[in-house]
Every structure is written in C-alpha cells, then in structure tokens.
Amino acid sequence: MVVIGTLLDEGASVRIMSSTIWKALGFPHLVPLTQNLLAFNRGTSQPLGILSKFPIILGGKTIYIDVMVIQGALDFNILLVRDYIYVLGALVSSLFCVVCLLHKGRIVTVD
C-alpha cells in the first residue's frame, strides 16, 4: 500500500499513524498503550495503541518500526522521525521538500 501524506520530521519525538490508514490496512492488532500524547499546542490525545513492526519501504530499503495509531484529524497520514532517516542513511531537505538516499550505488531522490 502506498501511503500519500507521509511526513518526515527530524524534530518529532514519536512515530504516528492516523486511524484512517490503520483501518485501510485491515485493523491489524495493536499493542495497548496507556500514555497520552501532548501536542505542541498543548492539546492531548489518547492513542488507540501501538502497531508493532510495521514495514516501511523507501527507495528499495525496508525497515520495521513501531507506530502509535491516533484517532482524530491529522494533517498527514504517517509521521516518521529522525531514527527512520538515519537508518536509511538519508538526507532530508525541508527547503526543497525532498529525501535523498543511496540505493544500489545511486542517489535516489524522493519528493
């Protein structure tokens, strides 16, 4: 499944997925979570749970991550944080809105 509206944020502290995408994936099992999230605007939300070992593929590289599933209106479908970028060995340009990484000896640009 290709997820449009994926955001890479080197300053974010948690990986988040909208409940809409989680439902589109067929409601995979979530690990319960009792922790609330505090947003930058001081709003709080209760995650539905953690989707464990979710595969993310970018530029031919696959990694497995744990993602918090959030119910509510989001401006994106998935939020990925700095550890994802470092595992891929990618460079992110917020100015040009692109991600560059090495794949099979070539530089791949994803926008």
PDB file of N, CA and C in Angstrom:
ATOM      1  N   MET A   1       0.846  -1.179   0.000  1.00  0.00           N
ATOM      2  CA  MET A   1       0.000   0.000   0.000  1.00  0.00           C
ATOM      3  C   MET A   1       0.889   1.238   0.000  1.00  0.00           C
ATOM      4  N   VAL A   2       0.635   2.146  -0.887  1.00  0.00           N
ATOM      5  CA  VAL A   2       1.341   3.421  -0.926  1.00  0.00           C
ATOM      6  C   VAL A   2       0.548   4.403  -0.081  1.00  0.00           C
ATOM      7  N   VAL A   3       1.234   5.046   0.869  1.00  0.00           N
ATOM      8  CA  VAL A   3       0.562   5.999   1.750  1.00  0.00           C
ATOM      9  C   VAL A   3       0.949   7.408   1.337  1.00  0.00           C
ATOM     10  N   ILE A   4      -0.031   8.120   0.824  1.00  0.00           N
ATOM     11  CA  ILE A   4       0.183   9.523   0.453  1.00  0.00           C
ATOM     12  C   ILE A   4       0.009  10.359   1.719  1.00  0.00           C
ATOM     13  N   GLY A   5       0.823  11.392   1.856  1.00  0.00           N
ATOM     14  CA  GLY A   5       0.716  12.239   3.039  1.00  0.00           C
ATOM     15  C   GLY A   5       1.602  11.752   4.167  1.00  0.00           C
ATOM     16  N   THR A   6       2.774  11.196   3.807  1.00  0.00           N
ATOM     17  CA  THR A   6       3.746  10.769   4.812  1.00  0.00           C
ATOM     18  C   THR A   6       4.694  11.933   5.071  1.00  0.00           C
ATOM     19  N   LEU A   7       4.946  12.201   6.324  1.00  0.00           N
ATOM     20  CA  LEU A   7       5.771  13.335   6.716  1.00  0.00           C
ATOM     21  C   LEU A   7       7.012  12.838   7.438  1.00  0.00           C
ATOM     22  N   LEU A   8       8.184  13.310   7.031  1.00  0.00           N
ATOM     23  CA  LEU A   8       9.442  13.033   7.728  1.00  0.00           C
ATOM     24  C   LEU A   8       9.792  14.271   8.532  1.00  0.00           C
ATOM     25  N   ASP A   9       9.952  14.123   9.846  1.00  0.00           N
ATOM     26  CA  ASP A   9      10.224  15.272  10.712  1.00  0.00           C
ATOM     27  C   ASP A   9      11.365  14.929  11.656  1.00  0.00           C
ATOM     28  N   GLU A  10      12.523  15.544  11.424  1.00  0.00           N
ATOM     29  CA  GLU A  10      13.685  15.264  12.265  1.00  0.00           C
ATOM     30  C   GLU A  10      13.505  15.756  13.693  1.00  0.00           C
ATOM     31  N   GLY A  11      12.532  16.619  13.938  1.00  0.00           N
ATOM     32  CA  GLY A  11      12.311  17.135  15.286  1.00  0.00           C
ATOM     33  C   GLY A  11      11.223  16.410  16.059  1.00  0.00           C
ATOM     34  N   ALA A  12      10.482  15.536  15.396  1.00  0.00           N
ATOM     35  CA  ALA A  12       9.385  14.831  16.075  1.00  0.00           C
ATOM     36  C   ALA A  12       9.947  13.767  17.015  1.00  0.00           C
ATOM     37  N   SER A  13       9.209  13.489  18.080  1.00  0.00           N
ATOM     38  CA  SER A  13       9.691  12.520  19.069  1.00  0.00           C
ATOM     39  C   SER A  13       8.978  11.173  18.995  1.00  0.00           C
ATOM     40  N   VAL A  14       7.855  11.080  18.290  1.00  0.00           N
ATOM     41  CA  VAL A  14       7.127   9.810  18.165  1.00  0.00           C
ATOM     42  C   VAL A  14       6.683   9.598  16.727  1.00  0.00           C
ATOM     43  N   ARG A  15       6.567   8.328  16.367  1.00  0.00           N
ATOM     44  CA  ARG A  15       6.037   7.954  15.047  1.00  0.00           C
ATOM     45  C   ARG A  15       4.529   7.805  15.194  1.00  0.00           C
ATOM     46  N   ILE A  16       3.779   8.412  14.288  1.00  0.00           N
ATOM     47  CA  ILE A  16       2.323   8.431  14.393  1.00  0.00           C
ATOM     48  C   ILE A  16       1.698   7.998  13.069  1.00  0.00           C
ATOM     49  N   MET A  17       0.605   7.241  13.179  1.00  0.00           N
ATOM     50  CA  MET A  17      -0.199   6.847  12.024  1.00  0.00           C
ATOM     51  C   MET A  17      -1.646   7.221  12.315  1.00  0.00           C
ATOM     52  N   SER A  18      -2.344   7.732  11.309  1.00  0.00           N
ATOM     53  CA  SER A  18      -3.757   8.054  11.503  1.00  0.00           C
ATOM     54  C   SER A  18      -4.569   6.766  11.563  1.00  0.00           C
ATOM     55  N   SER A  19      -5.666   6.816  12.300  1.00  0.00           N
ATOM     56  CA  SER A  19      -6.531   5.639  12.396  1.00  0.00           C
ATOM     57  C   SER A  19      -7.154   5.299  11.046  1.00  0.00           C
ATOM     58  N   THR A  20      -7.268   6.279  10.156  1.00  0.00           N
ATOM     59  CA  THR A  20      -7.799   6.035   8.813  1.00  0.00           C
ATOM     60  C   THR A  20      -6.912   5.056   8.046  1.00  0.00           C
ATOM     61  N   ILE A  21      -5.597   5.243   8.121  1.00  0.00           N
ATOM     62  CA  ILE A  21      -4.663   4.336   7.446  1.00  0.00           C
ATOM     63  C   ILE A  21      -4.674   2.976   8.122  1.00  0.00           C
ATOM     64  N   TRP A  22      -4.712   2.965   9.454  1.00  0.00           N
ATOM     65  CA  TRP A  22      -4.766   1.703  10.199  1.00  0.00           C
ATOM     66  C   TRP A  22      -5.990   0.889   9.771  1.00  0.00           C
ATOM     67  N   LYS A  23      -7.129   1.538   9.635  1.00  0.00           N
ATOM     68  CA  LYS A  23      -8.351   0.858   9.185  1.00  0.00           C
ATOM     69  C   LYS A  23      -8.194   0.348   7.756  1.00  0.00           C
ATOM     70  N   ALA A  24      -7.569   1.162   6.887  1.00  0.00           N
ATOM     71  CA  ALA A  24      -7.354   0.751   5.495  1.00  0.00           C
ATOM     72  C   ALA A  24      -6.435  -0.467   5.401  1.00  0.00           C
ATOM     73  N   LEU A  25      -5.583  -0.655   6.402  1.00  0.00           N
ATOM     74  CA  LEU A  25      -4.694  -1.825   6.452  1.00  0.00           C
ATOM     75  C   LEU A  25      -5.421  -3.074   6.948  1.00  0.00           C
ATOM     76  N   GLY A  26      -6.696  -2.923   7.337  1.00  0.00           N
ATOM     77  CA  GLY A  26      -7.468  -4.074   7.798  1.00  0.00           C
ATOM     78  C   GLY A  26      -7.480  -4.251   9.306  1.00  0.00           C
ATOM     79  N   PHE A  27      -7.279  -3.171  10.054  1.00  0.00           N
ATOM     80  CA  PHE A  27      -7.310  -3.199  11.518  1.00  0.00           C
ATOM     81  C   PHE A  27      -6.300  -4.190  12.112  1.00  0.00           C
ATOM     82  N   PRO A  28      -5.009  -4.123  11.732  1.00  0.00           N
ATOM     83  CA  PRO A  28      -4.048  -5.046  12.342  1.00  0.00           C
ATOM     84  C   PRO A  28      -3.981  -4.860  13.861  1.00  0.00           C
ATOM     85  N   HIS A  29      -3.563  -5.911  14.569  1.00  0.00           N
ATOM     86  CA  HIS A  29      -3.508  -5.914  16.033  1.00  0.00           C
ATOM     87  C   HIS A  29      -2.680  -4.751  16.570  1.00  0.00           C
ATOM     88  N   LEU A  30      -3.201  -4.102  17.601  1.00  0.00           N
ATOM     89  CA  LEU A  30      -2.489  -3.017  18.279  1.00  0.00           C
ATOM     90  C   LEU A  30      -2.117  -3.452  19.686  1.00  0.00           C
ATOM     91  N   VAL A  31      -0.931  -3.066  20.112  1.00  0.00           N
ATOM     92  CA  VAL A  31      -0.495  -3.287  21.488  1.00  0.00           C
ATOM     93  C   VAL A  31      -1.078  -2.149  22.327  1.00  0.00           C
ATOM     94  N   PRO A  32      -1.767  -2.464  23.426  1.00  0.00           N
ATOM     95  CA  PRO A  32      -2.373  -1.411  24.256  1.00  0.00           C
ATOM     96  C   PRO A  32      -1.332  -0.411  24.762  1.00  0.00           C
ATOM     97  N   LEU A  33      -1.773   0.823  24.931  1.00  0.00           N
ATOM     98  CA  LEU A  33      -0.900   1.905  25.394  1.00  0.00           C
ATOM     99  C   LEU A  33      -1.720   2.806  26.302  1.00  0.00           C
ATOM    100  N   THR A  34      -1.195   3.126  27.477  1.00  0.00           N
ATOM    101  CA  THR A  34      -1.925   3.974  28.425  1.00  0.00           C
ATOM    102  C   THR A  34      -1.422   5.411  28.422  1.00  0.00           C
ATOM    103  N   GLN A  35      -0.396   5.694  27.675  1.00  0.00           N
ATOM    104  CA  GLN A  35       0.222   7.013  27.642  1.00  0.00           C
ATOM    105  C   GLN A  35      -0.562   7.967  26.730  1.00  0.00           C
ATOM    106  N   ASN A  36      -0.792   9.188  27.190  1.00  0.00           N
ATOM    107  CA  ASN A  36      -1.398  10.226  26.358  1.00  0.00           C
ATOM    108  C   ASN A  36      -0.298  10.980  25.631  1.00  0.00           C
ATOM    109  N   LEU A  37      -0.640  11.567  24.496  1.00  0.00           N
ATOM    110  CA  LEU A  37       0.301  12.403  23.760  1.00  0.00           C
ATOM    111  C   LEU A  37      -0.044  13.867  23.988  1.00  0.00           C
ATOM    112  N   LEU A  38       0.972  14.681  24.155  1.00  0.00           N
ATOM    113  CA  LEU A  38       0.802  16.111  24.304  1.00  0.00           C
ATOM    114  C   LEU A  38       1.323  16.777  23.033  1.00  0.00           C
ATOM    115  N   ALA A  39       0.453  17.494  22.332  1.00  0.00           N
ATOM    116  CA  ALA A  39       0.827  18.158  21.088  1.00  0.00           C
ATOM    117  C   ALA A  39       1.497  19.493  21.375  1.00  0.00           C
ATOM    118  N   PHE A  40       2.096  20.076  20.348  1.00  0.00           N
ATOM    119  CA  PHE A  40       2.782  21.358  20.518  1.00  0.00           C
ATOM    120  C   PHE A  40       1.818  22.456  20.944  1.00  0.00           C
ATOM    121  N   ASN A  41       0.523  22.300  20.634  1.00  0.00           N
ATOM    122  CA  ASN A  41      -0.465  23.314  21.027  1.00  0.00           C
ATOM    123  C   ASN A  41      -1.094  23.017  22.388  1.00  0.00           C
ATOM    124  N   ARG A  42      -0.509  22.093  23.124  1.00  0.00           N
ATOM    125  CA  ARG A  42      -0.931  21.676  24.462  1.00  0.00           C
ATOM    126  C   ARG A  42      -2.184  20.798  24.467  1.00  0.00           C
ATOM    127  N   GLY A  43      -2.684  20.443  23.289  1.00  0.00           N
ATOM    128  CA  GLY A  43      -3.798  19.506  23.220  1.00  0.00           C
ATOM    129  C   GLY A  43      -3.305  18.094  23.506  1.00  0.00           C
ATOM    130  N   THR A  44      -4.156  17.251  24.075  1.00  0.00           N
ATOM    131  CA  THR A  44      -3.764  15.871  24.350  1.00  0.00           C
ATOM    132  C   THR A  44      -4.655  14.923  23.556  1.00  0.00           C
ATOM    133  N   SER A  45      -4.112  13.734  23.303  1.00  0.00           N
ATOM    134  CA  SER A  45      -4.903  12.689  22.653  1.00  0.00           C
ATOM    135  C   SER A  45      -4.469  11.340  23.216  1.00  0.00           C
ATOM    136  N   GLN A  46      -5.405  10.412  23.238  1.00  0.00           N
ATOM    137  CA  GLN A  46      -5.145   9.053  23.708  1.00  0.00           C
ATOM    138  C   GLN A  46      -4.950   8.173  22.489  1.00  0.00           C
ATOM    139  N   PRO A  47      -3.738   7.650  22.269  1.00  0.00           N
ATOM    140  CA  PRO A  47      -3.519   6.742  21.143  1.00  0.00           C
ATOM    141  C   PRO A  47      -4.377   5.484  21.282  1.00  0.00           C
ATOM    142  N   LEU A  48      -4.765   4.929  20.144  1.00  0.00           N
ATOM    143  CA  LEU A  48      -5.514   3.673  20.145  1.00  0.00           C
ATOM    144  C   LEU A  48      -4.609   2.511  20.533  1.00  0.00           C
ATOM    145  N   GLY A  49      -3.311   2.651  20.283  1.00  0.00           N
ATOM    146  CA  GLY A  49      -2.333   1.614  20.600  1.00  0.00           C
ATOM    147  C   GLY A  49      -1.127   1.722  19.695  1.00  0.00           C
ATOM    148  N   ILE A  50      -0.248   0.719  19.794  1.00  0.00           N
ATOM    149  CA  ILE A  50       0.983   0.672  19.000  1.00  0.00           C
ATOM    150  C   ILE A  50       0.858  -0.419  17.949  1.00  0.00           C
ATOM    151  N   LEU A  51       1.129  -0.067  16.702  1.00  0.00           N
ATOM    152  CA  LEU A  51       1.218  -1.046  15.623  1.00  0.00           C
ATOM    153  C   LEU A  51       2.676  -1.468  15.557  1.00  0.00           C
ATOM    154  N   SER A  52       2.962  -2.701  15.970  1.00  0.00           N
ATOM    155  CA  SER A  52       4.341  -3.179  16.070  1.00  0.00           C
ATOM    156  C   SER A  52       4.875  -3.696  14.743  1.00  0.00           C
ATOM    157  N   LYS A  53       6.160  -3.465  14.548  1.00  0.00           N
ATOM    158  CA  LYS A  53       6.905  -3.996  13.404  1.00  0.00           C
ATOM    159  C   LYS A  53       6.221  -3.707  12.074  1.00  0.00           C
ATOM    160  N   PHE A  54       5.811  -2.466  11.894  1.00  0.00           N
ATOM    161  CA  PHE A  54       5.174  -2.036  10.652  1.00  0.00           C
ATOM    162  C   PHE A  54       6.257  -1.801   9.600  1.00  0.00           C
ATOM    163  N   PRO A  55       6.155  -2.462   8.434  1.00  0.00           N
ATOM    164  CA  PRO A  55       7.205  -2.297   7.414  1.00  0.00           C
ATOM    165  C   PRO A  55       7.039  -0.983   6.646  1.00  0.00           C
ATOM    166  N   ILE A  56       8.132  -0.267   6.524  1.00  0.00           N
ATOM    167  CA  ILE A  56       8.168   0.966   5.735  1.00  0.00           C
ATOM    168  C   ILE A  56       9.226   0.756   4.657  1.00  0.00           C
ATOM    169  N   ILE A  57       8.860   1.051   3.418  1.00  0.00           N
ATOM    170  CA  ILE A  57       9.789   0.889   2.293  1.00  0.00           C
ATOM    171  C   ILE A  57       9.992   2.253   1.650  1.00  0.00           C
ATOM    172  N   LEU A  58      11.250   2.624   1.481  1.00  0.00           N
ATOM    173  CA  LEU A  58      11.584   3.867   0.800  1.00  0.00           C
ATOM    174  C   LEU A  58      12.847   3.630  -0.007  1.00  0.00           C
ATOM    175  N   GLY A  59      12.787   3.896  -1.284  1.00  0.00           N
ATOM    176  CA  GLY A  59      13.957   3.728  -2.134  1.00  0.00           C
ATOM    177  C   GLY A  59      14.496   2.317  -2.137  1.00  0.00           C
ATOM    178  N   GLY A  60      13.624   1.320  -2.011  1.00  0.00           N
ATOM    179  CA  GLY A  60      14.043  -0.075  -2.042  1.00  0.00           C
ATOM    180  C   GLY A  60      14.544  -0.611  -0.716  1.00  0.00           C
ATOM    181  N   LYS A  61      14.620   0.221   0.318  1.00  0.00           N
ATOM    182  CA  LYS A  61      15.052  -0.220   1.643  1.00  0.00           C
ATOM    183  C   LYS A  61      13.837  -0.409   2.532  1.00  0.00           C
ATOM    184  N   THR A  62      13.821  -1.499   3.307  1.00  0.00           N
ATOM    185  CA  THR A  62      12.710  -1.782   4.211  1.00  0.00           C
ATOM    186  C   THR A  62      13.212  -1.790   5.645  1.00  0.00           C
ATOM    187  N   ILE A  63      12.495  -1.101   6.519  1.00  0.00           N
ATOM    188  CA  ILE A  63      12.758  -1.207   7.950  1.00  0.00           C
ATOM    189  C   ILE A  63      11.417  -1.444   8.640  1.00  0.00           C
ATOM    190  N   TYR A  64      11.474  -1.979   9.844  1.00  0.00           N
ATOM    191  CA  TYR A  64      10.280  -2.280  10.621  1.00  0.00           C
ATOM    192  C   TYR A  64      10.261  -1.387  11.848  1.00  0.00           C
ATOM    193  N   ILE A  65       9.170  -0.685  12.029  1.00  0.00           N
ATOM    194  CA  ILE A  65       9.074   0.280  13.121  1.00  0.00           C
ATOM    195  C   ILE A  65       7.783   0.068  13.899  1.00  0.00           C
ATOM    196  N   ASP A  66       7.751   0.588  15.129  1.00  0.00           N
ATOM    197  CA  ASP A  66       6.546   0.626  15.935  1.00  0.00           C
ATOM    198  C   ASP A  66       5.933   2.012  15.767  1.00  0.00           C
ATOM    199  N   VAL A  67       4.628   2.054  15.506  1.00  0.00           N
ATOM    200  CA  VAL A  67       3.940   3.313  15.221  1.00  0.00           C
ATOM    201  C   VAL A  67       2.725   3.459  16.135  1.00  0.00           C
ATOM    202  N   MET A  68       2.552   4.642  16.737  1.00  0.00           N
ATOM    203  CA  MET A  68       1.344   4.924  17.516  1.00  0.00           C
ATOM    204  C   MET A  68       0.212   5.246  16.561  1.00  0.00           C
ATOM    205  N   VAL A  69      -0.934   4.625  16.792  1.00  0.00           N
ATOM    206  CA  VAL A  69      -2.112   4.911  15.976  1.00  0.00           C
ATOM    207  C   VAL A  69      -2.979   5.912  16.736  1.00  0.00           C
ATOM    208  N   ILE A  70      -3.281   7.023  16.066  1.00  0.00           N
ATOM    209  CA  ILE A  70      -4.011   8.134  16.680  1.00  0.00           C
ATOM    210  C   ILE A  70      -5.347   8.313  15.978  1.00  0.00           C
ATOM    211  N   GLN A  71      -6.395   8.458  16.765  1.00  0.00           N
ATOM    212  CA  GLN A  71      -7.703   8.752  16.201  1.00  0.00           C
ATOM    213  C   GLN A  71      -7.906  10.250  16.249  1.00  0.00           C
ATOM    214  N   GLY A  72      -8.387  10.796  15.172  1.00  0.00           N
ATOM    215  CA  GLY A  72      -8.624  12.226  15.130  1.00  0.00           C
ATOM    216  C   GLY A  72      -8.095  12.829  13.850  1.00  0.00           C
ATOM    217  N   ALA A  73      -8.369  14.102  13.674  1.00  0.00           N
ATOM    218  CA  ALA A  73      -7.954  14.805  12.468  1.00  0.00           C
ATOM    219  C   ALA A  73      -6.451  15.084  12.493  1.00  0.00           C
ATOM    220  N   LEU A  74      -5.754  14.651  11.465  1.00  0.00           N
ATOM    221  CA  LEU A  74      -4.321  14.906  11.311  1.00  0.00           C
ATOM    222  C   LEU A  74      -4.086  15.550   9.947  1.00  0.00           C
ATOM    223  N   ASP A  75      -3.014  16.313   9.825  1.00  0.00           N
ATOM    224  CA  ASP A  75      -2.657  16.921   8.546  1.00  0.00           C
ATOM    225  C   ASP A  75      -1.819  15.977   7.691  1.00  0.00           C
ATOM    226  N   PHE A  76      -1.578  14.769   8.178  1.00  0.00           N
ATOM    227  CA  PHE A  76      -0.750  13.779   7.491  1.00  0.00           C
ATOM    228  C   PHE A  76      -1.306  12.404   7.827  1.00  0.00           C
ATOM    229  N   ASN A  77      -0.843  11.381   7.107  1.00  0.00           N
ATOM    230  CA  ASN A  77      -1.275  10.012   7.383  1.00  0.00           C
ATOM    231  C   ASN A  77      -0.278   9.252   8.253  1.00  0.00           C
ATOM    232  N   ILE A  78       1.006   9.495   8.018  1.00  0.00           N
ATOM    233  CA  ILE A  78       2.065   8.887   8.838  1.00  0.00           C
ATOM    234  C   ILE A  78       3.131   9.943   9.103  1.00  0.00           C
ATOM    235  N   LEU A  79       3.605   9.989  10.348  1.00  0.00           N
ATOM    236  CA  LEU A  79       4.703  10.871  10.742  1.00  0.00           C
ATOM    237  C   LEU A  79       5.876   9.989  11.129  1.00  0.00           C
ATOM    238  N   LEU A  80       6.997  10.152  10.438  1.00  0.00           N
ATOM    239  CA  LEU A  80       8.213   9.401  10.741  1.00  0.00           C
ATOM    240  C   LEU A  80       9.240  10.352  11.337  1.00  0.00           C
ATOM    241  N   VAL A  81      10.076   9.836  12.246  1.00  0.00           N
ATOM    242  CA  VAL A  81      11.019  10.689  12.975  1.00  0.00           C
ATOM    243  C   VAL A  81      12.459  10.410  12.571  1.00  0.00           C
ATOM    244  N   ARG A  82      13.371  11.086  13.232  1.00  0.00           N
ATOM    245  CA  ARG A  82      14.780  11.070  12.830  1.00  0.00           C
ATOM    246  C   ARG A  82      15.417   9.687  12.762  1.00  0.00           C
ATOM    247  N   ASP A  83      15.034   8.746  13.630  1.00  0.00           N
ATOM    248  CA  ASP A  83      15.691   7.438  13.592  1.00  0.00           C
ATOM    249  C   ASP A  83      15.443   6.721  12.273  1.00  0.00           C
ATOM    250  N   TYR A  84      14.291   6.938  11.664  1.00  0.00           N
ATOM    251  CA  TYR A  84      13.993   6.344  10.359  1.00  0.00           C
ATOM    252  C   TYR A  84      14.947   6.897   9.307  1.00  0.00           C
ATOM    253  N   ILE A  85      15.156   8.196   9.352  1.00  0.00           N
ATOM    254  CA  ILE A  85      16.029   8.863   8.384  1.00  0.00           C
ATOM    255  C   ILE A  85      17.458   8.349   8.524  1.00  0.00           C
ATOM    256  N   TYR A  86      17.928   8.182   9.764  1.00  0.00           N
ATOM    257  CA  TYR A  86      19.296   7.725   9.991  1.00  0.00           C
ATOM    258  C   TYR A  86      19.500   6.277   9.570  1.00  0.00           C
ATOM    259  N   VAL A  87      18.508   5.409   9.820  1.00  0.00           N
ATOM    260  CA  VAL A  87      18.622   4.008   9.408  1.00  0.00           C
ATOM    261  C   VAL A  87      18.770   3.913   7.897  1.00  0.00           C
ATOM    262  N   LEU A  88      18.055   4.749   7.166  1.00  0.00           N
ATOM    263  CA  LEU A  88      18.138   4.734   5.705  1.00  0.00           C
ATOM    264  C   LEU A  88      19.407   5.407   5.189  1.00  0.00           C
ATOM    265  N   GLY A  89      20.091   6.147   6.035  1.00  0.00           N
ATOM    266  CA  GLY A  89      21.251   6.901   5.566  1.00  0.00           C
ATOM    267  C   GLY A  89      20.820   8.008   4.625  1.00  0.00           C
ATOM    268  N   ALA A  90      19.656   8.592   4.894  1.00  0.00           N
ATOM    269  CA  ALA A  90      19.067   9.587   4.001  1.00  0.00           C
ATOM    270  C   ALA A  90      19.415  11.007   4.435  1.00  0.00           C
ATOM    271  N   LEU A  91      19.304  11.915   3.490  1.00  0.00           N
ATOM    272  CA  LEU A  91      19.413  13.343   3.743  1.00  0.00           C
ATOM    273  C   LEU A  91      18.052  13.957   3.444  1.00  0.00           C
ATOM    274  N   VAL A  92      17.582  14.811   4.325  1.00  0.00           N
ATOM    275  CA  VAL A  92      16.274  15.439   4.159  1.00  0.00           C
ATOM    276  C   VAL A  92      16.470  16.931   3.953  1.00  0.00           C
ATOM    277  N   SER A  93      15.793  17.475   2.940  1.00  0.00           N
ATOM    278  CA  SER A  93      15.807  18.912   2.715  1.00  0.00           C
ATOM    279  C   SER A  93      14.394  19.439   2.866  1.00  0.00           C
ATOM    280  N   SER A  94      14.150  20.147   3.972  1.00  0.00           N
ATOM    281  CA  SER A  94      12.831  20.745   4.146  1.00  0.00           C
ATOM    282  C   SER A  94      12.655  21.938   3.209  1.00  0.00           C
ATOM    283  N   LEU A  95      13.758  22.544   2.788  1.00  0.00           N
ATOM    284  CA  LEU A  95      13.684  23.664   1.854  1.00  0.00           C
ATOM    285  C   LEU A  95      13.164  23.205   0.491  1.00  0.00           C
ATOM    286  N   PHE A  96      13.714  22.082  -0.006  1.00  0.00           N
ATOM    287  CA  PHE A  96      13.321  21.575  -1.322  1.00  0.00           C
ATOM    288  C   PHE A  96      12.284  20.452  -1.249  1.00  0.00           C
ATOM    289  N   CYS A  97      11.879  20.064  -0.030  1.00  0.00           N
ATOM    290  CA  CYS A  97      10.867  19.016   0.197  1.00  0.00           C
ATOM    291  C   CYS A  97      11.232  17.712  -0.492  1.00  0.00           C
ATOM    292  N   VAL A  98      12.481  17.264  -0.321  1.00  0.00           N
ATOM    293  CA  VAL A  98      12.931  16.008  -0.898  1.00  0.00           C
ATOM    294  C   VAL A  98      13.726  15.200   0.124  1.00  0.00           C
ATOM    295  N   VAL A  99      13.808  13.897  -0.121  1.00  0.00           N
ATOM    296  CA  VAL A  99      14.659  12.993   0.645  1.00  0.00           C
ATOM    297  C   VAL A  99      15.597  12.349  -0.361  1.00  0.00           C
ATOM    298  N   CYS A 100      16.882  12.332  -0.052  1.00  0.00           N
ATOM    299  CA  CYS A 100      17.872  11.688  -0.919  1.00  0.00           C
ATOM    300  C   CYS A 100      18.537  10.569  -0.142  1.00  0.00           C
ATOM    301  N   LEU A 101      18.714   9.398  -0.790  1.00  0.00           N
ATOM    302  CA  LEU A 101      19.393   8.282  -0.157  1.00  0.00           C
ATOM    303  C   LEU A 101      20.111   7.445  -1.196  1.00  0.00           C
ATOM    304  N   LEU A 102      21.091   6.682  -0.733  1.00  0.00           N
ATOM    305  CA  LEU A 102      21.820   5.783  -1.622  1.00  0.00           C
ATOM    306  C   LEU A 102      21.062   4.481  -1.760  1.00  0.00           C
ATOM    307  N   HIS A 103      20.950   3.991  -2.990  1.00  0.00           N
ATOM    308  CA  HIS A 103      20.314   2.707  -3.264  1.00  0.00           C
ATOM    309  C   HIS A 103      21.001   2.077  -4.467  1.00  0.00           C
ATOM    310  N   LYS A 104      21.619   0.922  -4.231  1.00  0.00           N
ATOM    311  CA  LYS A 104      22.339   0.191  -5.283  1.00  0.00           C
ATOM    312  C   LYS A 104      23.370   1.075  -5.981  1.00  0.00           C
ATOM    313  N   GLY A 105      24.098   1.851  -5.172  1.00  0.00           N
ATOM    314  CA  GLY A 105      25.177   2.684  -5.694  1.00  0.00           C
ATOM    315  C   GLY A 105      24.740   3.969  -6.371  1.00  0.00           C
ATOM    316  N   ARG A 106      23.473   4.275  -6.325  1.00  0.00           N
ATOM    317  CA  ARG A 106      22.970   5.504  -6.948  1.00  0.00           C
ATOM    318  C   ARG A 106      22.226   6.337  -5.924  1.00  0.00           C
ATOM    319  N   ILE A 107      22.172   7.630  -6.154  1.00  0.00           N
ATOM    320  CA  ILE A 107      21.404   8.522  -5.284  1.00  0.00           C
ATOM    321  C   ILE A 107      19.963   8.555  -5.779  1.00  0.00           C
ATOM    322  N   VAL A 108      19.047   8.216  -4.890  1.00  0.00           N
ATOM    323  CA  VAL A 108      17.612   8.216  -5.193  1.00  0.00           C
ATOM    324  C   VAL A 108      17.003   9.441  -4.521  1.00  0.00           C
ATOM    325  N   THR A 109      16.208  10.196  -5.255  1.00  0.00           N
ATOM    326  CA  THR A 109      15.523  11.356  -4.713  1.00  0.00           C
ATOM    327  C   THR A 109      14.032  11.062  -4.642  1.00  0.00           C
ATOM    328  N   VAL A 110      13.454  11.256  -3.469  1.00  0.00           N
ATOM    329  CA  VAL A 110      12.024  11.034  -3.260  1.00  0.00           C
ATOM    330  C   VAL A 110      11.407  12.379  -2.874  1.00  0.00           C
ATOM    331  N   ASP A 111      10.376  12.771  -3.620  1.00  0.00           N
ATOM    332  CA  ASP A 111       9.706  14.036  -3.254  1.00  0.00           C
ATOM    333  C   ASP A 111       8.238  13.823  -3.012  1.00  0.00           C
TER     334      ASP A 111
END
